[in-house]
Amino acid sequence: MPRPDAAAGAAFAKAVVAPLDLTTWARARSLLWAASRLAAYGASVGIAEHEILLGEPFIERFMASGAALRWSAPARRTARSNLLFLASESTRRGPRRAPLSRGRALAPYGDSELACYLVLADAQPTESRRQRASGLIALGAGAGLIGGDLRLVRGHDVVRRCGGVIVTVRGARARRVPVRAQLAARALAAAHWAGEGFIVGGAEATRRNVTSPLIASLAQGPDLARLNLARLRSTWLAACAADLGLATFMAAAGVRCSQRLGDVVAHLEVGTDAQAVALLGGKVR
C-alpha cells in the first residue's frame, strides 16, 4: 500500500497537470514529478490546500528543504521552474499567454554575396561614399561591429599592430578587435581617408540612422537584397568560430548552451592583442 504522502502527491499532481494543454508526454511527466514531490512534502508538514502548496513562498520553502537539497542543481532548477509554471497556470485569468519567438543569429553572408557588396561599394559615385561604404562592410564583416560600436569608430581608431589591423571600439563595450585579414586593407584605407572623423559618416557621436544612406546605396536589383548589418556581424562570428574550431569543441564537450561557455570563459584570462590577431584571422601576410 502506498504511503499517505505518496498517495496525496499523486492525486495533487494529476489534479493540477490534467487541465493543462500539453503537447508532449515528456513535459507532462516532468510536471507530474515536480508536483507530486511538492505535495508529498506538503503532506509531511501537514499542508494539503492547493492554494498554499502552489504559492511561491511555499515553493521556495520546499526548494530549501532537505528533500529538495538532495537533488542535483539542474534537477532543482528544473523542478522550481516547473512548479512556478504550475503556480502561474493555477491562478491565470484571461487568455493564455502567446509564446514569444526567440531571437536567433542571422545567416552569414557567403563569399560571393560579400564580394557583390564590395563591388557596389567600389562603384559609388564619390570618394566619400566609396570609402564609407567600404569601411562599413570591412568593420561589419571583418570585425563584427554593429550599432553604436560601428557608429563611434573614427579613423584614428584603426591602426596596424601585432602583424594585423586592430580597431579600438569605444562606448559601453570598449575593446580592441582585430580586423580579419581579407578586409584589413579596406578598413585601413577607410580609416586613413576619415582621419579624425567617423568612418561611416556624421559629425556628432549622438547621430542616428547614419548608416541608412550607405545601406540604401548598396541595394541594387532584385538579385541582391538590402545589406543587413546583423548578417555582417554573423559573417564575422561564423568565420572566427570556424578558425577556432568552436563547433568541433562544442560537439566533443556535449555543450549546447552558450551560458555554460560563458561560465567557463569567466575563469580564463583574455589574450593579448597579438594572440587575438593570430586567433581571429587578423594576421596580414
C-alpha atoms as a PDB file:
ATOM      1  CA  MET A   1       0.000   0.000   0.000  1.00  0.00           C
ATOM      2  CA  PRO A   2       1.437   3.417  -0.925  1.00  0.00           C
ATOM      3  CA  ARG A   3       2.321   5.805   1.866  1.00  0.00           C
ATOM      4  CA  PRO A   4      -0.254   8.559   2.575  1.00  0.00           C
ATOM      5  CA  ASP A   5       2.120  11.321   1.459  1.00  0.00           C
ATOM      6  CA  ALA A   6       2.870   9.500  -1.808  1.00  0.00           C
ATOM      7  CA  ALA A   7      -0.841   8.995  -2.499  1.00  0.00           C
ATOM      8  CA  ALA A   8      -1.542  12.653  -1.729  1.00  0.00           C
ATOM      9  CA  GLY A   9       1.289  13.674  -4.026  1.00  0.00           C
ATOM     10  CA  ALA A  10      -0.027  11.592  -6.928  1.00  0.00           C
ATOM     11  CA  ALA A  11      -3.572  12.918  -6.531  1.00  0.00           C
ATOM     12  CA  PHE A  12      -2.400  16.526  -6.324  1.00  0.00           C
ATOM     13  CA  ALA A  13      -0.147  16.141  -9.360  1.00  0.00           C
ATOM     14  CA  LYS A  14      -2.941  14.720 -11.500  1.00  0.00           C
ATOM     15  CA  ALA A  15      -5.333  17.462 -10.389  1.00  0.00           C
ATOM     16  CA  VAL A  16      -3.025  20.340 -11.355  1.00  0.00           C
ATOM     17  CA  VAL A  17      -1.464  18.865 -14.503  1.00  0.00           C
ATOM     18  CA  ALA A  18      -4.507  17.235 -16.136  1.00  0.00           C
ATOM     19  CA  PRO A  19      -6.240  20.552 -17.112  1.00  0.00           C
ATOM     20  CA  LEU A  20      -3.168  21.794 -18.963  1.00  0.00           C
ATOM     21  CA  ASP A  21      -2.952  21.621 -22.731  1.00  0.00           C
ATOM     22  CA  LEU A  22       0.413  19.882 -23.015  1.00  0.00           C
ATOM     23  CA  THR A  23       1.835  18.753 -26.331  1.00  0.00           C
ATOM     24  CA  THR A  24       4.345  16.110 -25.198  1.00  0.00           C
ATOM     25  CA  TRP A  25       4.371  13.309 -22.667  1.00  0.00           C
ATOM     26  CA  ALA A  26       7.874  14.275 -21.552  1.00  0.00           C
ATOM     27  CA  ARG A  27       6.639  17.707 -20.474  1.00  0.00           C
ATOM     28  CA  ALA A  28       3.665  16.207 -18.634  1.00  0.00           C
ATOM     29  CA  ARG A  29       5.872  13.683 -16.863  1.00  0.00           C
ATOM     30  CA  SER A  30       8.276  16.412 -15.735  1.00  0.00           C
ATOM     31  CA  LEU A  31       5.406  18.483 -14.315  1.00  0.00           C
ATOM     32  CA  LEU A  32       3.818  15.466 -12.622  1.00  0.00           C
ATOM     33  CA  TRP A  33       7.108  14.579 -10.964  1.00  0.00           C
ATOM     34  CA  ALA A  34       7.654  18.092  -9.572  1.00  0.00           C
ATOM     35  CA  ALA A  35       4.042  18.457  -8.397  1.00  0.00           C
ATOM     36  CA  SER A  36       3.988  15.069  -6.672  1.00  0.00           C
ATOM     37  CA  ARG A  37       7.197  15.844  -4.776  1.00  0.00           C
ATOM     38  CA  LEU A  38       5.800  19.211  -3.691  1.00  0.00           C
ATOM     39  CA  ALA A  39       2.567  17.647  -2.438  1.00  0.00           C
ATOM     40  CA  ALA A  40       4.437  14.871  -0.647  1.00  0.00           C
ATOM     41  CA  TYR A  41       6.479  17.486   1.173  1.00  0.00           C
ATOM     42  CA  GLY A  42       3.281  19.393   1.995  1.00  0.00           C
ATOM     43  CA  ALA A  43       1.727  16.264   3.438  1.00  0.00           C
ATOM     44  CA  SER A  44       4.804  15.698   5.588  1.00  0.00           C
ATOM     45  CA  VAL A  45       4.346  19.127   7.204  1.00  0.00           C
ATOM     46  CA  GLY A  46       0.553  18.953   7.401  1.00  0.00           C
ATOM     47  CA  ILE A  47      -0.383  21.194   4.452  1.00  0.00           C
ATOM     48  CA  ALA A  48      -2.741  19.965   1.743  1.00  0.00           C
ATOM     49  CA  GLU A  49      -4.512  23.094   0.414  1.00  0.00           C
ATOM     50  CA  HIS A  50      -3.745  23.609  -3.249  1.00  0.00           C
ATOM     51  CA  GLU A  51      -3.617  27.389  -2.923  1.00  0.00           C
ATOM     52  CA  ILE A  52      -0.897  27.154  -0.274  1.00  0.00           C
ATOM     53  CA  LEU A  53       1.055  24.400  -1.999  1.00  0.00           C
ATOM     54  CA  LEU A  54       1.219  26.388  -5.243  1.00  0.00           C
ATOM     55  CA  GLY A  55       2.062  29.668  -3.547  1.00  0.00           C
ATOM     56  CA  GLU A  56       5.533  30.965  -4.339  1.00  0.00           C
ATOM     57  CA  PRO A  57       6.543  31.194  -0.639  1.00  0.00           C
ATOM     58  CA  PHE A  58       5.746  27.527  -0.086  1.00  0.00           C
ATOM     59  CA  ILE A  59       7.524  26.510  -3.309  1.00  0.00           C
ATOM     60  CA  GLU A  60      10.631  28.359  -2.144  1.00  0.00           C
ATOM     61  CA  ARG A  61      10.324  26.728   1.280  1.00  0.00           C
ATOM     62  CA  PHE A  62      10.170  23.332  -0.416  1.00  0.00           C
ATOM     63  CA  MET A  63      13.222  24.068  -2.590  1.00  0.00           C
ATOM     64  CA  ALA A  64      15.200  24.945   0.547  1.00  0.00           C
ATOM     65  CA  SER A  65      14.118  21.781   2.358  1.00  0.00           C
ATOM     66  CA  GLY A  66      16.227  18.700   2.842  1.00  0.00           C
ATOM     67  CA  ALA A  67      14.096  16.767   0.371  1.00  0.00           C
ATOM     68  CA  ALA A  68      14.977  19.088  -2.490  1.00  0.00           C
ATOM     69  CA  LEU A  69      18.578  19.703  -1.454  1.00  0.00           C
ATOM     70  CA  ARG A  70      19.316  16.024  -2.060  1.00  0.00           C
ATOM     71  CA  TRP A  71      18.779  16.563  -5.783  1.00  0.00           C
ATOM     72  CA  SER A  72      21.370  17.830  -8.223  1.00  0.00           C
ATOM     73  CA  ALA A  73      21.486  21.537  -9.041  1.00  0.00           C
ATOM     74  CA  PRO A  74      19.992  21.054 -12.553  1.00  0.00           C
ATOM     75  CA  ALA A  75      17.165  18.949 -11.090  1.00  0.00           C
ATOM     76  CA  ARG A  76      16.375  21.660  -8.516  1.00  0.00           C
ATOM     77  CA  ARG A  77      16.330  24.381 -11.173  1.00  0.00           C
ATOM     78  CA  THR A  78      14.048  22.342 -13.424  1.00  0.00           C
ATOM     79  CA  ALA A  79      11.682  21.445 -10.575  1.00  0.00           C
ATOM     80  CA  ARG A  80      11.480  25.057  -9.414  1.00  0.00           C
ATOM     81  CA  SER A  81      10.707  26.303 -12.931  1.00  0.00           C
ATOM     82  CA  ASN A  82       8.021  23.646 -13.352  1.00  0.00           C
ATOM     83  CA  LEU A  83       6.392  24.443 -10.014  1.00  0.00           C
ATOM     84  CA  LEU A  84       6.339  28.173 -10.717  1.00  0.00           C
ATOM     85  CA  PHE A  85       4.779  27.398 -14.095  1.00  0.00           C
ATOM     86  CA  LEU A  86       2.055  25.331 -12.393  1.00  0.00           C
ATOM     87  CA  ALA A  87       1.512  28.134  -9.894  1.00  0.00           C
ATOM     88  CA  SER A  88       1.048  30.696 -12.654  1.00  0.00           C
ATOM     89  CA  GLU A  89      -1.312  28.406 -14.563  1.00  0.00           C
ATOM     90  CA  SER A  90      -3.427  27.726 -11.491  1.00  0.00           C
ATOM     91  CA  THR A  91      -4.032  31.432 -10.885  1.00  0.00           C
ATOM     92  CA  ARG A  92      -4.177  32.552 -14.522  1.00  0.00           C
ATOM     93  CA  ARG A  93      -7.174  34.519 -15.696  1.00  0.00           C
ATOM     94  CA  GLY A  94      -7.982  35.622 -19.220  1.00  0.00           C
ATOM     95  CA  PRO A  95      -6.445  34.361 -22.469  1.00  0.00           C
ATOM     96  CA  ARG A  96      -3.373  32.120 -22.492  1.00  0.00           C
ATOM     97  CA  ARG A  97      -0.098  33.927 -22.969  1.00  0.00           C
ATOM     98  CA  ALA A  98       1.133  33.791 -26.543  1.00  0.00           C
ATOM     99  CA  PRO A  99       4.660  32.380 -26.910  1.00  0.00           C
ATOM    100  CA  LEU A 100       7.250  34.918 -27.999  1.00  0.00           C
ATOM    101  CA  SER A 101       9.777  33.957 -30.594  1.00  0.00           C
ATOM    102  CA  ARG A 102      13.395  33.803 -29.508  1.00  0.00           C
ATOM    103  CA  GLY A 103      15.892  35.939 -31.353  1.00  0.00           C
ATOM    104  CA  ARG A 104      18.304  33.942 -33.493  1.00  0.00           C
ATOM    105  CA  ALA A 105      21.524  34.894 -35.208  1.00  0.00           C
ATOM    106  CA  LEU A 106      21.032  35.626 -38.888  1.00  0.00           C
ATOM    107  CA  ALA A 107      22.737  33.550 -41.564  1.00  0.00           C
ATOM    108  CA  PRO A 108      26.207  34.811 -42.506  1.00  0.00           C
ATOM    109  CA  TYR A 109      26.931  36.132 -45.973  1.00  0.00           C
ATOM    110  CA  GLY A 110      28.668  33.814 -48.397  1.00  0.00           C
ATOM    111  CA  ASP A 111      31.892  34.864 -50.111  1.00  0.00           C
ATOM    112  CA  SER A 112      30.106  35.635 -53.389  1.00  0.00           C
ATOM    113  CA  GLU A 113      27.444  37.769 -51.673  1.00  0.00           C
ATOM    114  CA  LEU A 114      30.050  39.761 -49.779  1.00  0.00           C
ATOM    115  CA  ALA A 115      32.051  40.242 -52.974  1.00  0.00           C
ATOM    116  CA  CYS A 116      28.991  41.714 -54.693  1.00  0.00           C
ATOM    117  CA  TYR A 117      28.516  44.305 -51.944  1.00  0.00           C
ATOM    118  CA  LEU A 118      32.200  45.232 -52.115  1.00  0.00           C
ATOM    119  CA  VAL A 119      31.912  45.735 -55.885  1.00  0.00           C
ATOM    120  CA  LEU A 120      28.939  48.019 -55.290  1.00  0.00           C
ATOM    121  CA  ALA A 121      30.890  49.917 -52.644  1.00  0.00           C
ATOM    122  CA  ASP A 122      33.747  50.482 -55.094  1.00  0.00           C
ATOM    123  CA  ALA A 123      31.262  51.676 -57.734  1.00  0.00           C
ATOM    124  CA  GLN A 124      29.840  54.513 -55.649  1.00  0.00           C
ATOM    125  CA  PRO A 125      29.943  57.899 -57.447  1.00  0.00           C
ATOM    126  CA  THR A 126      32.079  59.828 -54.930  1.00  0.00           C
ATOM    127  CA  GLU A 127      35.234  59.069 -52.966  1.00  0.00           C
ATOM    128  CA  SER A 128      33.397  59.831 -49.728  1.00  0.00           C
ATOM    129  CA  ARG A 129      30.652  57.339 -50.468  1.00  0.00           C
ATOM    130  CA  ARG A 130      33.140  54.701 -51.660  1.00  0.00           C
ATOM    131  CA  GLN A 131      35.303  54.899 -48.543  1.00  0.00           C
ATOM    132  CA  ARG A 132      32.393  54.988 -46.103  1.00  0.00           C
ATOM    133  CA  ALA A 133      30.598  52.048 -47.732  1.00  0.00           C
ATOM    134  CA  SER A 134      33.819  50.049 -47.925  1.00  0.00           C
ATOM    135  CA  GLY A 135      34.647  50.853 -44.296  1.00  0.00           C
ATOM    136  CA  LEU A 136      31.151  49.870 -43.159  1.00  0.00           C
ATOM    137  CA  ILE A 137      31.456  46.432 -44.780  1.00  0.00           C
ATOM    138  CA  ALA A 138      35.027  45.953 -43.567  1.00  0.00           C
ATOM    139  CA  LEU A 139      34.190  46.812 -39.951  1.00  0.00           C
ATOM    140  CA  GLY A 140      30.962  44.778 -40.009  1.00  0.00           C
ATOM    141  CA  ALA A 141      32.131  41.578 -41.695  1.00  0.00           C
ATOM    142  CA  GLY A 142      35.787  41.999 -40.717  1.00  0.00           C
ATOM    143  CA  ALA A 143      35.447  42.984 -37.046  1.00  0.00           C
ATOM    144  CA  GLY A 144      31.819  42.194 -36.161  1.00  0.00           C
ATOM    145  CA  LEU A 145      30.884  45.792 -35.328  1.00  0.00           C
ATOM    146  CA  ILE A 146      27.252  46.864 -35.318  1.00  0.00           C
ATOM    147  CA  GLY A 147      25.083  49.646 -33.897  1.00  0.00           C
ATOM    148  CA  GLY A 148      26.800  52.169 -31.638  1.00  0.00           C
ATOM    149  CA  ASP A 149      30.105  50.265 -31.784  1.00  0.00           C
ATOM    150  CA  LEU A 150      30.193  50.863 -35.540  1.00  0.00           C
ATOM    151  CA  ARG A 151      28.991  54.477 -35.478  1.00  0.00           C
ATOM    152  CA  LEU A 152      31.623  55.580 -32.951  1.00  0.00           C
ATOM    153  CA  VAL A 153      34.699  54.330 -34.826  1.00  0.00           C
ATOM    154  CA  ARG A 154      36.930  57.183 -36.013  1.00  0.00           C
ATOM    155  CA  GLY A 155      39.754  56.934 -38.482  1.00  0.00           C
ATOM    156  CA  HIS A 156      42.470  57.033 -35.812  1.00  0.00           C
ATOM    157  CA  ASP A 157      40.856  54.059 -34.040  1.00  0.00           C
ATOM    158  CA  VAL A 158      42.010  51.693 -36.811  1.00  0.00           C
ATOM    159  CA  VAL A 159      45.771  51.036 -36.731  1.00  0.00           C
ATOM    160  CA  ARG A 160      48.368  48.483 -37.735  1.00  0.00           C
ATOM    161  CA  ARG A 161      49.514  46.450 -34.752  1.00  0.00           C
ATOM    162  CA  CYS A 162      50.895  42.990 -33.941  1.00  0.00           C
ATOM    163  CA  GLY A 163      51.096  41.942 -37.575  1.00  0.00           C
ATOM    164  CA  GLY A 164      47.493  42.885 -38.369  1.00  0.00           C
ATOM    165  CA  VAL A 165      44.972  45.725 -38.242  1.00  0.00           C
ATOM    166  CA  ILE A 166      43.202  46.420 -34.938  1.00  0.00           C
ATOM    167  CA  VAL A 167      40.162  48.628 -34.353  1.00  0.00           C
ATOM    168  CA  THR A 168      39.581  50.215 -30.947  1.00  0.00           C
ATOM    169  CA  VAL A 169      35.886  50.084 -30.035  1.00  0.00           C
ATOM    170  CA  ARG A 170      34.631  52.801 -27.709  1.00  0.00           C
ATOM    171  CA  GLY A 171      31.462  53.132 -25.672  1.00  0.00           C
ATOM    172  CA  ALA A 172      29.787  50.781 -23.200  1.00  0.00           C
ATOM    173  CA  ARG A 173      31.608  47.684 -24.504  1.00  0.00           C
ATOM    174  CA  ALA A 174      35.050  49.146 -25.080  1.00  0.00           C
ATOM    175  CA  ARG A 175      37.526  46.653 -26.510  1.00  0.00           C
ATOM    176  CA  ARG A 176      40.071  46.072 -29.273  1.00  0.00           C
ATOM    177  CA  VAL A 177      39.129  43.835 -32.204  1.00  0.00           C
ATOM    178  CA  PRO A 178      41.428  42.506 -34.952  1.00  0.00           C
ATOM    179  CA  VAL A 179      40.058  43.054 -38.448  1.00  0.00           C
ATOM    180  CA  ARG A 180      40.112  39.833 -40.444  1.00  0.00           C
ATOM    181  CA  ALA A 181      42.926  39.755 -42.970  1.00  0.00           C
ATOM    182  CA  GLN A 182      40.661  39.680 -46.043  1.00  0.00           C
ATOM    183  CA  LEU A 183      39.149  43.073 -45.131  1.00  0.00           C
ATOM    184  CA  ALA A 184      42.020  44.664 -43.221  1.00  0.00           C
ATOM    185  CA  ALA A 185      43.286  46.730 -46.165  1.00  0.00           C
ATOM    186  CA  ARG A 186      39.818  48.177 -46.784  1.00  0.00           C
ATOM    187  CA  ALA A 187      39.355  49.082 -43.128  1.00  0.00           C
ATOM    188  CA  LEU A 188      42.761  50.766 -43.053  1.00  0.00           C
ATOM    189  CA  ALA A 189      42.124  52.683 -46.284  1.00  0.00           C
ATOM    190  CA  ALA A 190      38.767  53.957 -44.997  1.00  0.00           C
ATOM    191  CA  ALA A 191      40.412  54.936 -41.709  1.00  0.00           C
ATOM    192  CA  HIS A 192      43.184  56.909 -43.448  1.00  0.00           C
ATOM    193  CA  TRP A 193      40.574  58.725 -45.512  1.00  0.00           C
ATOM    194  CA  ALA A 194      38.384  59.520 -42.461  1.00  0.00           C
ATOM    195  CA  GLY A 195      41.283  60.784 -40.324  1.00  0.00           C
ATOM    196  CA  GLU A 196      39.826  62.214 -37.108  1.00  0.00           C
ATOM    197  CA  GLY A 197      36.249  61.842 -38.357  1.00  0.00           C
ATOM    198  CA  PHE A 198      33.798  58.966 -38.068  1.00  0.00           C
ATOM    199  CA  ILE A 199      34.392  56.303 -40.704  1.00  0.00           C
ATOM    200  CA  VAL A 200      30.715  55.708 -41.523  1.00  0.00           C
ATOM    201  CA  GLY A 201      29.872  59.414 -41.569  1.00  0.00           C
ATOM    202  CA  GLY A 202      28.293  62.143 -39.496  1.00  0.00           C
ATOM    203  CA  ALA A 203      29.807  64.766 -37.228  1.00  0.00           C
ATOM    204  CA  GLU A 204      28.275  64.042 -33.802  1.00  0.00           C
ATOM    205  CA  ALA A 205      28.579  60.934 -31.626  1.00  0.00           C
ATOM    206  CA  THR A 206      24.849  61.108 -30.848  1.00  0.00           C
ATOM    207  CA  ARG A 207      23.733  60.997 -34.504  1.00  0.00           C
ATOM    208  CA  ARG A 208      21.170  58.366 -35.564  1.00  0.00           C
ATOM    209  CA  ASN A 209      20.464  56.345 -38.731  1.00  0.00           C
ATOM    210  CA  VAL A 210      23.816  57.387 -40.147  1.00  0.00           C
ATOM    211  CA  THR A 211      24.290  54.017 -41.874  1.00  0.00           C
ATOM    212  CA  SER A 212      20.908  54.037 -43.614  1.00  0.00           C
ATOM    213  CA  PRO A 213      22.015  56.103 -46.665  1.00  0.00           C
ATOM    214  CA  LEU A 214      25.058  53.867 -47.130  1.00  0.00           C
ATOM    215  CA  ILE A 215      22.970  50.708 -46.936  1.00  0.00           C
ATOM    216  CA  ALA A 216      20.410  52.137 -49.355  1.00  0.00           C
ATOM    217  CA  SER A 217      23.145  52.907 -51.878  1.00  0.00           C
ATOM    218  CA  LEU A 218      24.242  49.257 -51.814  1.00  0.00           C
ATOM    219  CA  ALA A 219      20.781  47.883 -52.660  1.00  0.00           C
ATOM    220  CA  GLN A 220      20.888  47.133 -56.366  1.00  0.00           C
ATOM    221  CA  GLY A 221      18.376  44.975 -58.214  1.00  0.00           C
ATOM    222  CA  PRO A 222      16.223  42.001 -57.167  1.00  0.00           C
ATOM    223  CA  ASP A 223      19.145  39.543 -57.009  1.00  0.00           C
ATOM    224  CA  LEU A 224      20.898  41.316 -54.140  1.00  0.00           C
ATOM    225  CA  ALA A 225      18.905  42.046 -51.005  1.00  0.00           C
ATOM    226  CA  ARG A 226      19.378  45.152 -48.880  1.00  0.00           C
ATOM    227  CA  LEU A 227      22.589  44.944 -46.861  1.00  0.00           C
ATOM    228  CA  ASN A 228      21.934  43.749 -43.296  1.00  0.00           C
ATOM    229  CA  LEU A 229      24.378  44.789 -40.557  1.00  0.00           C
ATOM    230  CA  ALA A 230      23.353  41.869 -38.341  1.00  0.00           C
ATOM    231  CA  ARG A 231      24.306  39.473 -41.149  1.00  0.00           C
ATOM    232  CA  LEU A 232      27.667  41.204 -41.482  1.00  0.00           C
ATOM    233  CA  ARG A 233      28.274  40.532 -37.793  1.00  0.00           C
ATOM    234  CA  SER A 234      27.153  36.906 -38.236  1.00  0.00           C
ATOM    235  CA  THR A 235      29.671  36.622 -41.082  1.00  0.00           C
ATOM    236  CA  TRP A 236      32.462  37.668 -38.725  1.00  0.00           C
ATOM    237  CA  LEU A 237      31.224  35.424 -35.914  1.00  0.00           C
ATOM    238  CA  ALA A 238      30.984  32.386 -38.181  1.00  0.00           C
ATOM    239  CA  ALA A 239      34.442  32.942 -39.640  1.00  0.00           C
ATOM    240  CA  CYS A 240      36.063  33.331 -36.209  1.00  0.00           C
ATOM    241  CA  ALA A 241      34.189  30.301 -34.833  1.00  0.00           C
ATOM    242  CA  ALA A 242      35.411  28.219 -37.784  1.00  0.00           C
ATOM    243  CA  ASP A 243      39.025  29.325 -37.218  1.00  0.00           C
ATOM    244  CA  LEU A 244      38.775  28.452 -33.522  1.00  0.00           C
ATOM    245  CA  GLY A 245      37.168  25.068 -34.182  1.00  0.00           C
ATOM    246  CA  LEU A 246      34.280  26.065 -31.931  1.00  0.00           C
ATOM    247  CA  ALA A 247      31.746  23.679 -33.467  1.00  0.00           C
ATOM    248  CA  THR A 248      34.127  20.723 -33.054  1.00  0.00           C
ATOM    249  CA  PHE A 249      34.852  21.697 -29.454  1.00  0.00           C
ATOM    250  CA  MET A 250      31.174  22.066 -28.517  1.00  0.00           C
ATOM    251  CA  ALA A 251      30.296  18.751 -30.154  1.00  0.00           C
ATOM    252  CA  ALA A 252      33.135  16.976 -28.346  1.00  0.00           C
ATOM    253  CA  ALA A 253      32.229  18.586 -24.998  1.00  0.00           C
ATOM    254  CA  GLY A 254      28.494  17.980 -25.432  1.00  0.00           C
ATOM    255  CA  VAL A 255      27.845  21.681 -24.812  1.00  0.00           C
ATOM    256  CA  ARG A 256      24.786  23.283 -26.393  1.00  0.00           C
ATOM    257  CA  CYS A 257      24.141  26.239 -24.115  1.00  0.00           C
ATOM    258  CA  SER A 258      26.223  29.383 -24.607  1.00  0.00           C
ATOM    259  CA  GLN A 259      25.703  30.262 -20.930  1.00  0.00           C
ATOM    260  CA  ARG A 260      27.903  27.341 -19.945  1.00  0.00           C
ATOM    261  CA  LEU A 261      30.608  28.585 -22.267  1.00  0.00           C
ATOM    262  CA  GLY A 262      30.331  31.988 -20.605  1.00  0.00           C
ATOM    263  CA  ASP A 263      30.728  30.369 -17.180  1.00  0.00           C
ATOM    264  CA  VAL A 264      33.902  28.622 -18.362  1.00  0.00           C
ATOM    265  CA  VAL A 265      35.394  31.685 -20.046  1.00  0.00           C
ATOM    266  CA  ALA A 266      34.791  33.767 -16.896  1.00  0.00           C
ATOM    267  CA  HIS A 267      37.666  31.841 -15.264  1.00  0.00           C
ATOM    268  CA  LEU A 268      40.105  32.434 -18.132  1.00  0.00           C
ATOM    269  CA  GLU A 269      42.363  35.352 -18.950  1.00  0.00           C
ATOM    270  CA  VAL A 270      41.819  37.377 -22.115  1.00  0.00           C
ATOM    271  CA  GLY A 271      44.689  37.056 -24.583  1.00  0.00           C
ATOM    272  CA  THR A 272      46.941  39.846 -25.777  1.00  0.00           C
ATOM    273  CA  ASP A 273      46.401  41.811 -28.985  1.00  0.00           C
ATOM    274  CA  ALA A 274      48.975  39.632 -30.720  1.00  0.00           C
ATOM    275  CA  GLN A 275      47.168  36.461 -29.633  1.00  0.00           C
ATOM    276  CA  ALA A 276      43.819  37.895 -30.747  1.00  0.00           C
ATOM    277  CA  VAL A 277      45.226  38.770 -34.181  1.00  0.00           C
ATOM    278  CA  ALA A 278      46.565  35.241 -34.603  1.00  0.00           C
ATOM    279  CA  LEU A 279      43.424  33.504 -33.329  1.00  0.00           C
ATOM    280  CA  LEU A 280      40.774  35.610 -35.049  1.00  0.00           C
ATOM    281  CA  GLY A 281      42.165  35.609 -38.572  1.00  0.00           C
ATOM    282  CA  GLY A 282      43.696  39.079 -38.440  1.00  0.00           C
ATOM    283  CA  LYS A 283      47.250  38.158 -39.436  1.00  0.00           C
ATOM    284  CA  VAL A 284      48.145  40.072 -42.604  1.00  0.00           C
ATOM    285  CA  ARG A 285      50.762  38.354 -44.736  1.00  0.00           C
END
